[in-house]
Amino acid sequence: MDATAIMGGIGLVRSAIELLRDAKDLVPGSQKAKAIELALKQAEQALQHAEVRLADDLGYNLCKCTFPPQVALRAPDGKMICPKCKRDTDEDFKQKPIRVSFGTRR
């Protein structure tokens, strides 16, 4: 199965979740509505994780400004930009050496 078909399937699942969210308000009884809302929230989180996993497997840049990470999108100028924080993931997220300081030595 190719990535386009998988992304199409993810889009359909996302649409179904939105329709169910709208229909939830038609269910009488606050306990049932709360249970449906919880199930929808869990389904959305699982879908977000699946999207990120697929994007990572396909080699897309991921920005870790949120959890789950944001999938970087290609801007018209060709840069890979995070849709949430607007950073250029090609430049800002290359591996950089980490410097840790635990205070001064005496």
Protein backbone atom coordinates (compact mmCIF):
# COMPACT_ATOMS: atom_id res chain seq x y z
CA MET A 1 0.00 0.00 0.00
CA ASP A 2 1.41 3.41 -0.89
CA ALA A 3 1.64 6.48 1.34
CA THR A 4 -1.10 8.33 -0.56
CA ALA A 5 -3.61 5.57 0.17
CA ILE A 6 -2.58 5.46 3.83
CA MET A 7 -2.91 9.23 4.18
CA GLY A 8 -6.30 9.06 2.46
CA GLY A 9 -7.41 6.47 5.00
CA ILE A 10 -6.17 8.61 7.87
CA GLY A 11 -8.15 11.54 6.43
CA LEU A 12 -11.30 9.43 6.33
CA VAL A 13 -10.84 8.35 9.94
CA ARG A 14 -10.33 11.99 10.97
CA SER A 15 -13.57 12.95 9.17
CA ALA A 16 -15.45 10.12 10.90
CA ILE A 17 -14.20 11.30 14.30
CA GLU A 18 -15.45 14.83 13.57
CA LEU A 19 -18.87 13.51 12.51
CA LEU A 20 -19.11 11.44 15.69
CA ARG A 21 -18.11 14.46 17.76
CA ASP A 22 -21.01 16.41 16.22
CA ALA A 23 -23.42 13.50 16.75
CA LYS A 24 -22.34 13.11 20.41
CA ASP A 25 -24.43 16.14 21.34
CA LEU A 26 -27.56 14.32 20.18
CA VAL A 27 -27.07 11.53 22.77
CA PRO A 28 -29.15 12.17 25.88
CA GLY A 29 -27.60 11.63 29.28
CA SER A 30 -24.44 13.30 30.50
CA GLN A 31 -22.69 10.01 31.40
CA LYS A 32 -23.06 8.64 27.86
CA ALA A 33 -21.91 11.93 26.36
CA LYS A 34 -18.85 11.97 28.64
CA ALA A 35 -17.97 8.38 27.70
CA ILE A 36 -18.30 9.18 24.00
CA GLU A 37 -16.16 12.31 24.41
CA LEU A 38 -13.44 10.30 26.17
CA ALA A 39 -13.48 7.64 23.44
CA LEU A 40 -13.25 10.33 20.74
CA LYS A 41 -10.33 12.01 22.51
CA GLN A 42 -8.48 8.68 22.71
CA ALA A 43 -9.20 7.99 19.02
CA GLU A 44 -7.85 11.43 18.06
CA GLN A 45 -4.67 10.87 20.07
CA ALA A 46 -4.12 7.45 18.48
CA LEU A 47 -4.67 9.00 15.04
CA GLN A 48 -2.14 11.77 15.76
CA HIS A 49 0.43 9.18 16.83
CA ALA A 50 -0.24 7.16 13.67
CA GLU A 51 0.22 10.24 11.47
CA VAL A 52 3.52 11.11 13.16
CA ARG A 53 4.76 7.52 12.90
CA LEU A 54 3.88 7.36 9.21
CA ALA A 55 5.55 10.72 8.52
CA ASP A 56 8.67 9.61 10.39
CA ASP A 57 8.77 6.29 8.50
CA LEU A 58 8.48 8.22 5.22
CA GLY A 59 11.41 10.46 6.20
CA TYR A 60 9.57 13.71 6.95
CA ASN A 61 11.09 16.17 9.39
CA LEU A 62 9.42 16.26 12.79
CA CYS A 63 9.41 19.26 15.12
CA LYS A 64 9.34 18.40 18.80
CA CYS A 65 7.73 21.68 19.93
CA THR A 66 4.67 19.63 20.99
CA PHE A 67 3.80 16.06 21.84
CA PRO A 68 3.10 14.27 19.66
CA PRO A 69 5.61 15.98 17.35
CA GLN A 70 4.45 18.20 14.50
CA VAL A 71 5.07 17.04 10.93
CA ALA A 72 6.98 19.71 9.03
CA LEU A 73 5.37 20.92 5.81
CA ARG A 74 7.13 22.17 2.70
CA ALA A 75 6.79 25.95 2.24
CA PRO A 76 6.69 27.57 -1.22
CA ASP A 77 10.39 28.46 -0.89
CA GLY A 78 11.23 24.76 -0.38
CA LYS A 79 11.99 24.91 3.35
CA MET A 80 10.46 22.41 5.76
CA ILE A 81 8.47 24.49 8.25
CA CYS A 82 6.73 23.40 11.46
CA PRO A 83 3.02 24.35 11.17
CA LYS A 84 2.81 25.03 14.93
CA CYS A 85 5.94 27.05 15.83
CA LYS A 86 6.89 28.10 12.24
CA ARG A 87 10.55 27.08 12.62
CA ASP A 88 12.62 25.82 9.70
CA THR A 89 13.17 22.18 10.63
CA ASP A 90 16.01 21.78 8.12
CA GLU A 91 18.09 24.39 9.95
CA ASP A 92 16.80 24.42 13.51
CA PHE A 93 16.63 20.69 14.11
CA LYS A 94 19.89 19.37 12.72
CA GLN A 95 21.88 17.51 15.35
CA LYS A 96 23.83 20.06 17.34
CA PRO A 97 26.28 19.24 20.11
CA ILE A 98 24.70 19.47 23.54
CA ARG A 99 26.66 21.35 26.14
CA VAL A 100 25.77 20.64 29.72
CA SER A 101 27.13 22.73 32.57
CA PHE A 102 26.85 21.64 36.18
CA GLY A 103 28.47 24.77 37.60
CA THR A 104 32.03 25.97 37.75
CA ARG A 105 35.00 23.87 38.74
CA ARG A 106 37.14 24.93 41.66
